[in-house]
Every structure is written in C-alpha cells, then in structure tokens.
Amino acid sequence: MREVTRLCDYLPLALRLAGARLVARAHWSVGDLVQRMPVGTGLLDELTHGLLTMHPCFSSAYQRLSGEERRLFRMLGLCGTGTYSGFDGAQLLSRSEREATEILERLAEARLLNVARSQVAGESLMFRLHTLTGAYAKERAVSESSNSERSAAAHLRRRDTDSSERLVRLRAVR
C-alpha cells in the first residue's frame, strides 16, 4: 500500500480513487493496482472510478496558466518527474535564470510544482514535479508540444543522465 500511496503523491482524492478501484475490483491485490499504475502517460487513467477522475484537478490549474507557464510545465513533463532549478527552466525556455525561476514560482503557486528546498544562502531554489502532476504535464506535452520543446526537454534529460552517470563513476572510484 505504501507504493500506491507514493504513486498517488499522498493526495487524498488520488488515494480515494485508488481505494475505490480496489473495492470495485475485489479480485485485484494492491500489487495488481501498482502494476497497472505506470509512471508517465496512462497513470491518471488508472485513477478513475465512475465519473471521478484526477484530470479536472490539474486541468483547471493548467487552464489558468499563461502560455509560457504552460510551455514550461509541458517541457518539465517531457523531462520527467524530479527536481528542477531556475537554471534548468532557463535552459528550457531560453530565458534568464531569474525569469525562469519566477515562472517556476508561479507553477508552484498554481500547485503544479512543489518547492523542494527553501532558499539557503548560496543555494538556488529548487522545484519538484511529482508523479501525478508529471503524468498530467506529459499528457499535455504529448498533445500540445512543438518539436523544439521536445528537443529542449530531451537535451536536459540527457544532461541530467550524463551528470548522474558521472556521479556514480566518481563514487565508485573513491
């Protein structure tokens, strides 16, 4: 059940929907539900029961965003769930780090991102894209993103993967 709770980002509505699916399909185990909850596109489709779904929760917030805020949100969805800085946003949007951080702040105000770490002297503010919001962002990206948005997101993903691999190699050498 911990994995279901984590995949639901600890959100009450998502947990309610997951529980309702398990009750309605008594032949499913919790493990069956976890296996049906793919990270990324399709996850939100598994969190439905009758007319209840998670989509309206995210859709209303998304519709209130400016075009540039929507664009960055979609691009983060293409990059995947994780933690992002103003520097990352600046690379995706070709804007200054300050401007990108402000856009990330507005996404956090809309409850589509969370602040992952408060600002400490010398550290950048970080923002986290969680599982369900990431799934929604990816859904929007699949239907709305341009080739340049996909390319910029792929570049950031590659950079992060290369950085992670270097860190693993450095730790192995020590």
N, C-alpha and C. Protein backbone atom coordinates (compact mmCIF):
# COMPACT_ATOMS: atom_id res chain seq x y z
N MET A 1 0.82 -1.20 0.00
CA MET A 1 0.00 0.00 0.00
C MET A 1 0.87 1.27 0.00
N ARG A 2 2.08 1.14 0.54
CA ARG A 2 2.98 2.31 0.54
C ARG A 2 3.29 2.78 -0.87
N GLU A 3 3.47 1.83 -1.78
CA GLU A 3 3.78 2.20 -3.16
C GLU A 3 2.60 2.89 -3.82
N VAL A 4 1.40 2.43 -3.57
CA VAL A 4 0.20 3.10 -4.10
C VAL A 4 0.12 4.52 -3.53
N THR A 5 0.36 4.65 -2.25
CA THR A 5 0.32 5.97 -1.61
C THR A 5 1.36 6.89 -2.22
N ARG A 6 2.55 6.39 -2.46
CA ARG A 6 3.61 7.19 -3.07
C ARG A 6 3.23 7.59 -4.50
N LEU A 7 2.73 6.63 -5.27
CA LEU A 7 2.33 6.92 -6.65
C LEU A 7 1.18 7.93 -6.70
N CYS A 8 0.38 7.96 -5.66
CA CYS A 8 -0.73 8.92 -5.56
C CYS A 8 -0.28 10.26 -4.99
N ASP A 9 1.03 10.41 -4.77
CA ASP A 9 1.58 11.65 -4.22
C ASP A 9 0.93 12.06 -2.90
N TYR A 10 0.39 11.09 -2.18
CA TYR A 10 -0.24 11.32 -0.86
C TYR A 10 -1.45 12.25 -0.96
N LEU A 11 -2.00 12.39 -2.16
CA LEU A 11 -3.16 13.26 -2.37
C LEU A 11 -4.44 12.51 -2.00
N PRO A 12 -5.28 13.11 -1.16
CA PRO A 12 -6.49 12.42 -0.70
C PRO A 12 -7.40 11.93 -1.82
N LEU A 13 -7.65 12.75 -2.83
CA LEU A 13 -8.53 12.32 -3.92
C LEU A 13 -7.93 11.13 -4.68
N ALA A 14 -6.64 11.19 -4.96
CA ALA A 14 -5.99 10.09 -5.67
C ALA A 14 -6.05 8.81 -4.84
N LEU A 15 -5.83 8.92 -3.55
CA LEU A 15 -5.91 7.74 -2.67
C LEU A 15 -7.34 7.20 -2.63
N ARG A 16 -8.30 8.10 -2.61
CA ARG A 16 -9.71 7.68 -2.61
C ARG A 16 -10.04 6.92 -3.90
N LEU A 17 -9.55 7.42 -5.01
CA LEU A 17 -9.80 6.75 -6.29
C LEU A 17 -9.11 5.39 -6.35
N ALA A 18 -7.88 5.32 -5.86
CA ALA A 18 -7.17 4.04 -5.84
C ALA A 18 -7.92 3.03 -4.97
N GLY A 19 -8.36 3.49 -3.80
CA GLY A 19 -9.12 2.61 -2.90
C GLY A 19 -10.44 2.16 -3.52
N ALA A 20 -11.12 3.08 -4.20
CA ALA A 20 -12.40 2.74 -4.84
C ALA A 20 -12.18 1.70 -5.93
N ARG A 21 -11.09 1.80 -6.66
CA ARG A 21 -10.80 0.79 -7.70
C ARG A 21 -10.56 -0.57 -7.07
N LEU A 22 -9.85 -0.59 -5.94
CA LEU A 22 -9.58 -1.86 -5.27
C LEU A 22 -10.87 -2.48 -4.71
N VAL A 23 -11.76 -1.65 -4.20
CA VAL A 23 -13.04 -2.16 -3.67
C VAL A 23 -13.91 -2.67 -4.82
N ALA A 24 -13.96 -1.91 -5.91
CA ALA A 24 -14.80 -2.29 -7.05
C ALA A 24 -14.28 -3.54 -7.74
N ARG A 25 -13.00 -3.76 -7.66
CA ARG A 25 -12.38 -4.93 -8.30
C ARG A 25 -11.73 -5.78 -7.21
N ALA A 26 -12.57 -6.41 -6.45
CA ALA A 26 -12.14 -7.16 -5.27
C ALA A 26 -11.13 -8.26 -5.62
N HIS A 27 -11.11 -8.69 -6.86
CA HIS A 27 -10.16 -9.72 -7.27
C HIS A 27 -8.74 -9.16 -7.46
N TRP A 28 -8.58 -7.84 -7.43
CA TRP A 28 -7.26 -7.22 -7.55
C TRP A 28 -6.58 -7.20 -6.19
N SER A 29 -5.28 -7.40 -6.19
CA SER A 29 -4.48 -7.16 -4.99
C SER A 29 -3.91 -5.74 -5.11
N VAL A 30 -3.34 -5.26 -4.04
CA VAL A 30 -2.68 -3.95 -4.09
C VAL A 30 -1.56 -4.00 -5.12
N GLY A 31 -0.87 -5.12 -5.18
CA GLY A 31 0.20 -5.29 -6.18
C GLY A 31 -0.31 -5.19 -7.60
N ASP A 32 -1.50 -5.72 -7.85
CA ASP A 32 -2.10 -5.61 -9.18
C ASP A 32 -2.30 -4.14 -9.54
N LEU A 33 -2.81 -3.37 -8.58
CA LEU A 33 -3.03 -1.94 -8.84
C LEU A 33 -1.71 -1.23 -9.11
N VAL A 34 -0.69 -1.51 -8.32
CA VAL A 34 0.61 -0.88 -8.52
C VAL A 34 1.12 -1.17 -9.93
N GLN A 35 1.00 -2.41 -10.38
CA GLN A 35 1.47 -2.77 -11.72
C GLN A 35 0.68 -2.07 -12.81
N ARG A 36 -0.55 -1.70 -12.52
CA ARG A 36 -1.39 -1.02 -13.50
C ARG A 36 -1.17 0.49 -13.49
N MET A 37 -0.36 0.98 -12.57
CA MET A 37 -0.12 2.42 -12.43
C MET A 37 1.23 2.79 -13.02
N PRO A 38 1.30 2.87 -14.36
CA PRO A 38 2.58 3.20 -14.98
C PRO A 38 2.96 4.65 -14.68
N VAL A 39 4.22 4.89 -14.44
CA VAL A 39 4.67 6.26 -14.24
C VAL A 39 4.71 6.91 -15.61
N GLY A 40 4.07 8.05 -15.75
CA GLY A 40 4.02 8.75 -17.03
C GLY A 40 2.61 8.70 -17.60
N THR A 41 2.52 8.75 -18.91
CA THR A 41 1.24 8.75 -19.59
C THR A 41 0.47 7.48 -19.25
N GLY A 42 -0.78 7.62 -18.88
CA GLY A 42 -1.62 6.49 -18.53
C GLY A 42 -1.87 6.35 -17.04
N LEU A 43 -1.03 6.95 -16.21
CA LEU A 43 -1.19 6.84 -14.76
C LEU A 43 -2.52 7.44 -14.33
N LEU A 44 -2.86 8.60 -14.84
CA LEU A 44 -4.11 9.25 -14.44
C LEU A 44 -5.33 8.45 -14.88
N ASP A 45 -5.21 7.72 -15.97
CA ASP A 45 -6.32 6.89 -16.43
C ASP A 45 -6.62 5.76 -15.45
N GLU A 46 -5.62 5.31 -14.72
CA GLU A 46 -5.82 4.26 -13.72
C GLU A 46 -6.47 4.81 -12.45
N LEU A 47 -6.40 6.11 -12.25
CA LEU A 47 -7.01 6.72 -11.07
C LEU A 47 -8.36 7.32 -11.43
N THR A 48 -9.26 6.45 -11.82
CA THR A 48 -10.63 6.84 -12.13
C THR A 48 -11.57 5.84 -11.48
N HIS A 49 -12.73 6.33 -11.16
CA HIS A 49 -13.78 5.44 -10.65
C HIS A 49 -15.11 6.11 -10.97
N GLY A 50 -15.87 5.46 -11.82
CA GLY A 50 -17.12 6.07 -12.26
C GLY A 50 -16.82 7.38 -12.97
N LEU A 51 -17.43 8.44 -12.50
CA LEU A 51 -17.20 9.76 -13.09
C LEU A 51 -16.07 10.52 -12.41
N LEU A 52 -15.54 9.98 -11.32
CA LEU A 52 -14.45 10.65 -10.61
C LEU A 52 -13.11 10.38 -11.28
N THR A 53 -12.34 11.44 -11.45
CA THR A 53 -11.01 11.35 -12.06
C THR A 53 -10.14 12.49 -11.54
N MET A 54 -8.85 12.36 -11.70
CA MET A 54 -7.91 13.40 -11.27
C MET A 54 -7.78 14.52 -12.30
N HIS A 55 -8.13 14.27 -13.55
CA HIS A 55 -7.91 15.25 -14.61
C HIS A 55 -8.46 16.65 -14.30
N PRO A 56 -9.70 16.79 -13.82
CA PRO A 56 -10.21 18.14 -13.57
C PRO A 56 -9.40 18.93 -12.54
N CYS A 57 -8.79 18.24 -11.58
CA CYS A 57 -7.96 18.92 -10.58
C CYS A 57 -6.79 19.65 -11.24
N PHE A 58 -6.15 18.97 -12.16
CA PHE A 58 -4.99 19.56 -12.83
C PHE A 58 -5.40 20.46 -13.98
N SER A 59 -6.46 20.10 -14.67
CA SER A 59 -6.91 20.86 -15.83
C SER A 59 -7.29 22.29 -15.48
N SER A 60 -8.01 22.46 -14.38
CA SER A 60 -8.43 23.82 -14.02
C SER A 60 -7.22 24.70 -13.71
N ALA A 61 -6.21 24.15 -13.04
CA ALA A 61 -5.00 24.93 -12.74
C ALA A 61 -4.24 25.21 -14.04
N TYR A 62 -4.14 24.23 -14.90
CA TYR A 62 -3.41 24.38 -16.16
C TYR A 62 -4.06 25.45 -17.04
N GLN A 63 -5.38 25.46 -17.11
CA GLN A 63 -6.09 26.42 -17.97
C GLN A 63 -5.87 27.87 -17.51
N ARG A 64 -5.58 28.07 -16.24
CA ARG A 64 -5.36 29.42 -15.72
C ARG A 64 -3.93 29.93 -15.95
N LEU A 65 -3.04 29.08 -16.44
CA LEU A 65 -1.65 29.48 -16.67
C LEU A 65 -1.51 30.31 -17.94
N SER A 66 -0.47 31.14 -17.96
CA SER A 66 -0.13 31.86 -19.19
C SER A 66 0.47 30.87 -20.19
N GLY A 67 0.61 31.30 -21.42
CA GLY A 67 1.19 30.43 -22.45
C GLY A 67 2.59 29.97 -22.09
N GLU A 68 3.41 30.86 -21.58
CA GLU A 68 4.79 30.48 -21.23
C GLU A 68 4.84 29.55 -20.02
N GLU A 69 3.96 29.76 -19.08
CA GLU A 69 3.88 28.86 -17.92
C GLU A 69 3.44 27.46 -18.37
N ARG A 70 2.48 27.40 -19.26
CA ARG A 70 2.04 26.10 -19.80
C ARG A 70 3.19 25.41 -20.54
N ARG A 71 3.91 26.19 -21.32
CA ARG A 71 5.02 25.64 -22.10
C ARG A 71 6.06 25.01 -21.18
N LEU A 72 6.46 25.72 -20.13
CA LEU A 72 7.47 25.18 -19.22
C LEU A 72 6.93 23.95 -18.49
N PHE A 73 5.68 23.99 -18.08
CA PHE A 73 5.07 22.84 -17.41
C PHE A 73 5.11 21.60 -18.32
N ARG A 74 4.73 21.77 -19.58
CA ARG A 74 4.77 20.65 -20.53
C ARG A 74 6.19 20.13 -20.71
N MET A 75 7.14 21.05 -20.83
CA MET A 75 8.53 20.64 -21.04
C MET A 75 9.07 19.89 -19.82
N LEU A 76 8.67 20.31 -18.64
CA LEU A 76 9.07 19.56 -17.44
C LEU A 76 8.46 18.17 -17.47
N GLY A 77 7.23 18.06 -17.95
CA GLY A 77 6.60 16.75 -18.10
C GLY A 77 7.37 15.85 -19.05
N LEU A 78 7.94 16.43 -20.09
CA LEU A 78 8.75 15.65 -21.02
C LEU A 78 10.08 15.24 -20.39
N CYS A 79 10.58 16.06 -19.49
CA CYS A 79 11.84 15.75 -18.80
C CYS A 79 11.64 14.64 -17.77
N GLY A 80 10.46 14.59 -17.20
CA GLY A 80 10.16 13.56 -16.19
C GLY A 80 10.07 14.15 -14.80
N THR A 81 9.55 13.34 -13.89
CA THR A 81 9.41 13.80 -12.52
C THR A 81 10.80 13.98 -11.92
N GLY A 82 10.90 14.90 -11.01
CA GLY A 82 12.19 15.17 -10.38
C GLY A 82 12.25 16.60 -9.89
N THR A 83 13.47 17.04 -9.64
CA THR A 83 13.71 18.36 -9.07
C THR A 83 14.37 19.25 -10.12
N TYR A 84 13.90 20.48 -10.21
CA TYR A 84 14.38 21.42 -11.21
C TYR A 84 14.72 22.77 -10.57
N SER A 85 15.67 23.44 -11.17
CA SER A 85 16.10 24.76 -10.69
C SER A 85 15.72 25.82 -11.72
N GLY A 86 15.94 27.06 -11.35
CA GLY A 86 15.75 28.16 -12.30
C GLY A 86 16.69 28.03 -13.49
N PHE A 87 17.87 27.49 -13.24
CA PHE A 87 18.83 27.26 -14.32
C PHE A 87 18.26 26.28 -15.35
N ASP A 88 17.64 25.21 -14.86
CA ASP A 88 17.01 24.24 -15.76
C ASP A 88 15.90 24.91 -16.56
N GLY A 89 15.06 25.68 -15.89
CA GLY A 89 13.98 26.39 -16.57
C GLY A 89 14.50 27.36 -17.61
N ALA A 90 15.61 28.04 -17.29
CA ALA A 90 16.22 28.99 -18.22
C ALA A 90 16.69 28.28 -19.48
N GLN A 91 17.27 27.09 -19.31
CA GLN A 91 17.72 26.33 -20.47
C GLN A 91 16.54 25.89 -21.34
N LEU A 92 15.46 25.49 -20.69
CA LEU A 92 14.30 25.03 -21.46
C LEU A 92 13.62 26.17 -22.20
N LEU A 93 13.55 27.34 -21.58
CA LEU A 93 12.80 28.46 -22.15
C LEU A 93 13.66 29.46 -22.92
N SER A 94 14.99 29.32 -22.83
CA SER A 94 15.90 30.32 -23.40
C SER A 94 15.62 31.69 -22.80
N ARG A 95 15.47 31.72 -21.50
CA ARG A 95 15.24 32.95 -20.74
C ARG A 95 16.32 33.07 -19.68
N SER A 96 16.33 34.17 -18.96
CA SER A 96 17.30 34.30 -17.87
C SER A 96 16.88 33.38 -16.72
N GLU A 97 17.83 33.06 -15.88
CA GLU A 97 17.53 32.20 -14.73
C GLU A 97 16.51 32.87 -13.81
N ARG A 98 16.62 34.16 -13.65
CA ARG A 98 15.67 34.90 -12.80
C ARG A 98 14.26 34.82 -13.36
N GLU A 99 14.11 35.02 -14.66
CA GLU A 99 12.79 34.94 -15.30
C GLU A 99 12.22 33.53 -15.19
N ALA A 100 13.06 32.53 -15.43
CA ALA A 100 12.60 31.14 -15.35
C ALA A 100 12.20 30.78 -13.93
N THR A 101 12.96 31.26 -12.95
CA THR A 101 12.62 30.98 -11.55
C THR A 101 11.26 31.59 -11.21
N GLU A 102 10.98 32.77 -11.73
CA GLU A 102 9.68 33.40 -11.49
C GLU A 102 8.55 32.57 -12.09
N ILE A 103 8.77 32.00 -13.26
CA ILE A 103 7.76 31.14 -13.89
C ILE A 103 7.57 29.87 -13.06
N LEU A 104 8.66 29.30 -12.59
CA LEU A 104 8.57 28.12 -11.72
C LEU A 104 7.81 28.45 -10.44
N GLU A 105 8.05 29.64 -9.90
CA GLU A 105 7.31 30.09 -8.70
C GLU A 105 5.81 30.15 -8.97
N ARG A 106 5.44 30.65 -10.15
CA ARG A 106 4.02 30.71 -10.49
C ARG A 106 3.42 29.32 -10.66
N LEU A 107 4.20 28.38 -11.18
CA LEU A 107 3.72 27.00 -11.28
C LEU A 107 3.53 26.41 -9.88
N ALA A 108 4.39 26.78 -8.95
CA ALA A 108 4.24 26.32 -7.56
C ALA A 108 3.00 26.95 -6.93
N GLU A 109 2.76 28.23 -7.21
CA GLU A 109 1.56 28.90 -6.69
C GLU A 109 0.30 28.23 -7.22
N ALA A 110 0.35 27.72 -8.44
CA ALA A 110 -0.79 27.01 -9.05
C ALA A 110 -0.90 25.57 -8.54
N ARG A 111 0.02 25.17 -7.67
CA ARG A 111 0.06 23.83 -7.07
C ARG A 111 0.38 22.74 -8.09
N LEU A 112 1.09 23.11 -9.15
CA LEU A 112 1.52 22.13 -10.14
C LEU A 112 2.97 21.69 -9.89
N LEU A 113 3.69 22.44 -9.09
CA LEU A 113 5.03 22.10 -8.62
C LEU A 113 5.06 22.34 -7.12
N ASN A 114 6.00 21.72 -6.45
CA ASN A 114 6.25 22.00 -5.04
C ASN A 114 7.64 22.58 -4.90
N VAL A 115 7.82 23.44 -3.91
CA VAL A 115 9.16 23.92 -3.60
C VAL A 115 9.84 22.76 -2.87
N ALA A 116 10.96 22.31 -3.42
CA ALA A 116 11.63 21.13 -2.87
C ALA A 116 12.62 21.50 -1.78
N ARG A 117 13.16 22.68 -1.84
CA ARG A 117 14.14 23.10 -0.85
C ARG A 117 14.02 24.60 -0.71
N SER A 118 13.93 25.08 0.53
CA SER A 118 13.85 26.51 0.72
C SER A 118 15.20 27.15 0.39
N GLN A 119 15.17 28.43 0.12
CA GLN A 119 16.39 29.11 -0.29
C GLN A 119 17.32 29.26 0.91
N VAL A 120 18.50 28.70 0.77
CA VAL A 120 19.55 28.79 1.78
C VAL A 120 20.65 29.62 1.14
N ALA A 121 21.39 30.36 1.97
CA ALA A 121 22.45 31.21 1.44
C ALA A 121 23.31 30.47 0.43
N GLY A 122 23.37 30.99 -0.78
CA GLY A 122 24.20 30.40 -1.82
C GLY A 122 23.55 29.28 -2.62
N GLU A 123 22.41 28.79 -2.19
CA GLU A 123 21.74 27.71 -2.92
C GLU A 123 20.58 28.25 -3.73
N SER A 124 20.35 27.65 -4.88
CA SER A 124 19.21 28.03 -5.71
C SER A 124 17.94 27.39 -5.17
N LEU A 125 16.85 28.05 -5.40
CA LEU A 125 15.55 27.49 -5.06
C LEU A 125 15.28 26.33 -6.01
N MET A 126 14.77 25.22 -5.48
CA MET A 126 14.50 24.03 -6.27
C MET A 126 13.01 23.74 -6.26
N PHE A 127 12.52 23.16 -7.36
CA PHE A 127 11.11 22.85 -7.51
C PHE A 127 10.97 21.38 -7.88
N ARG A 128 9.94 20.73 -7.35
CA ARG A 128 9.75 19.29 -7.59
C ARG A 128 8.46 19.07 -8.38
N LEU A 129 8.60 18.28 -9.44
CA LEU A 129 7.46 17.81 -10.23
C LEU A 129 7.18 16.39 -9.76
N HIS A 130 6.04 16.19 -9.15
CA HIS A 130 5.70 14.89 -8.58
C HIS A 130 5.06 13.96 -9.61
N THR A 131 4.77 12.77 -9.19
CA THR A 131 4.30 11.71 -10.08
C THR A 131 3.02 12.07 -10.83
N LEU A 132 1.98 12.49 -10.11
CA LEU A 132 0.70 12.75 -10.77
C LEU A 132 0.73 14.02 -11.61
N THR A 133 1.33 15.09 -11.09
CA THR A 133 1.42 16.31 -11.88
C THR A 133 2.34 16.08 -13.08
N GLY A 134 3.37 15.26 -12.91
CA GLY A 134 4.25 14.92 -14.03
C GLY A 134 3.51 14.14 -15.10
N ALA A 135 2.63 13.23 -14.67
CA ALA A 135 1.82 12.47 -15.63
C ALA A 135 0.90 13.41 -16.40
N TYR A 136 0.30 14.38 -15.71
CA TYR A 136 -0.59 15.33 -16.39
C TYR A 136 0.23 16.20 -17.36
N ALA A 137 1.40 16.66 -16.90
CA ALA A 137 2.25 17.50 -17.76
C ALA A 137 2.65 16.73 -19.02
N LYS A 138 2.97 15.46 -18.85
CA LYS A 138 3.37 14.65 -20.01
C LYS A 138 2.19 14.45 -20.96
N GLU A 139 0.99 14.23 -20.41
CA GLU A 139 -0.20 14.11 -21.27
C GLU A 139 -0.39 15.37 -22.10
N ARG A 140 -0.26 16.53 -21.45
CA ARG A 140 -0.42 17.80 -22.16
C ARG A 140 0.67 17.94 -23.21
N ALA A 141 1.89 17.53 -22.87
CA ALA A 141 3.02 17.65 -23.79
C ALA A 141 2.82 16.79 -25.03
N VAL A 142 2.31 15.59 -24.84
CA VAL A 142 2.10 14.68 -25.97
C VAL A 142 1.15 15.31 -26.98
N SER A 143 0.13 16.01 -26.49
CA SER A 143 -0.85 16.57 -27.42
C SER A 143 -0.57 18.02 -27.83
N GLU A 144 0.29 18.74 -27.10
CA GLU A 144 0.44 20.17 -27.37
C GLU A 144 1.86 20.65 -27.69
N SER A 145 2.88 19.87 -27.39
CA SER A 145 4.26 20.37 -27.51
C SER A 145 4.74 20.41 -28.95
N SER A 146 5.62 21.39 -29.19
CA SER A 146 6.24 21.52 -30.51
C SER A 146 7.52 20.68 -30.54
N ASN A 147 8.06 20.53 -31.72
CA ASN A 147 9.32 19.79 -31.86
C ASN A 147 10.45 20.46 -31.10
N SER A 148 10.49 21.80 -31.09
CA SER A 148 11.56 22.50 -30.36
C SER A 148 11.42 22.27 -28.85
N GLU A 149 10.20 22.21 -28.34
CA GLU A 149 10.01 21.92 -26.91
C GLU A 149 10.49 20.50 -26.60
N ARG A 150 10.15 19.56 -27.45
CA ARG A 150 10.59 18.17 -27.22
C ARG A 150 12.11 18.06 -27.27
N SER A 151 12.72 18.78 -28.20
CA SER A 151 14.17 18.75 -28.34
C SER A 151 14.86 19.34 -27.11
N ALA A 152 14.37 20.48 -26.63
CA ALA A 152 14.97 21.11 -25.44
C ALA A 152 14.83 20.20 -24.22
N ALA A 153 13.70 19.56 -24.06
CA ALA A 153 13.49 18.65 -22.93
C ALA A 153 14.41 17.44 -23.05
N ALA A 154 14.58 16.91 -24.25
CA ALA A 154 15.46 15.76 -24.45
C ALA A 154 16.90 16.13 -24.11
N HIS A 155 17.31 17.34 -24.46
CA HIS A 155 18.67 17.81 -24.16
C HIS A 155 18.88 17.87 -22.64
N LEU A 156 17.90 18.40 -21.92
CA LEU A 156 18.02 18.49 -20.45
C LEU A 156 18.03 17.10 -19.83
N ARG A 157 17.22 16.19 -20.34
CA ARG A 157 17.20 14.80 -19.83
C ARG A 157 18.57 14.14 -20.03
N ARG A 158 19.15 14.34 -21.21
CA ARG A 158 20.47 13.75 -21.49
C ARG A 158 21.52 14.34 -20.55
N ARG A 159 21.48 15.63 -20.34
CA ARG A 159 22.44 16.28 -19.45
C ARG A 159 22.33 15.72 -18.03
N ASP A 160 21.10 15.58 -17.55
CA ASP A 160 20.89 15.04 -16.21
C ASP A 160 21.34 13.59 -16.11
N THR A 161 21.08 12.80 -17.16
CA THR A 161 21.52 11.40 -17.17
C THR A 161 23.04 11.32 -17.16
N ASP A 162 23.69 12.15 -17.99
CA ASP A 162 25.16 12.16 -18.03
C ASP A 162 25.73 12.56 -16.68
N SER A 163 25.13 13.57 -16.03
CA SER A 163 25.60 14.01 -14.71
C SER A 163 25.45 12.92 -13.68
N SER A 164 24.33 12.21 -13.69
CA SER A 164 24.09 11.12 -12.75
C SER A 164 25.10 9.99 -12.95
N GLU A 165 25.37 9.66 -14.21
CA GLU A 165 26.32 8.60 -14.50
C GLU A 165 27.72 8.98 -14.04
N ARG A 166 28.12 10.27 -14.23
CA ARG A 166 29.43 10.73 -13.77
C ARG A 166 29.54 10.63 -12.26
N LEU A 167 28.48 11.00 -11.55
CA LEU A 167 28.47 10.95 -10.10
C LEU A 167 28.63 9.51 -9.61
N VAL A 168 27.96 8.58 -10.25
CA VAL A 168 28.08 7.16 -9.88
C VAL A 168 29.51 6.69 -10.10
N ARG A 169 30.13 7.07 -11.23
CA ARG A 169 31.51 6.67 -11.51
C ARG A 169 32.47 7.27 -10.49
N LEU A 170 32.27 8.54 -10.11
CA LEU A 170 33.13 9.18 -9.12
C LEU A 170 33.04 8.48 -7.77
N ARG A 171 31.82 8.11 -7.38
CA ARG A 171 31.64 7.42 -6.10
C ARG A 171 32.31 6.05 -6.13
N ALA A 172 32.29 5.38 -7.28
CA ALA A 172 32.90 4.06 -7.41
C ALA A 172 34.42 4.15 -7.31
N VAL A 173 35.01 5.24 -7.81
CA VAL A 173 36.46 5.42 -7.76
C VAL A 173 36.92 5.65 -6.33
N ARG A 174 36.13 6.34 -5.55
CA ARG A 174 36.50 6.65 -4.16
C ARG A 174 36.48 5.41 -3.40
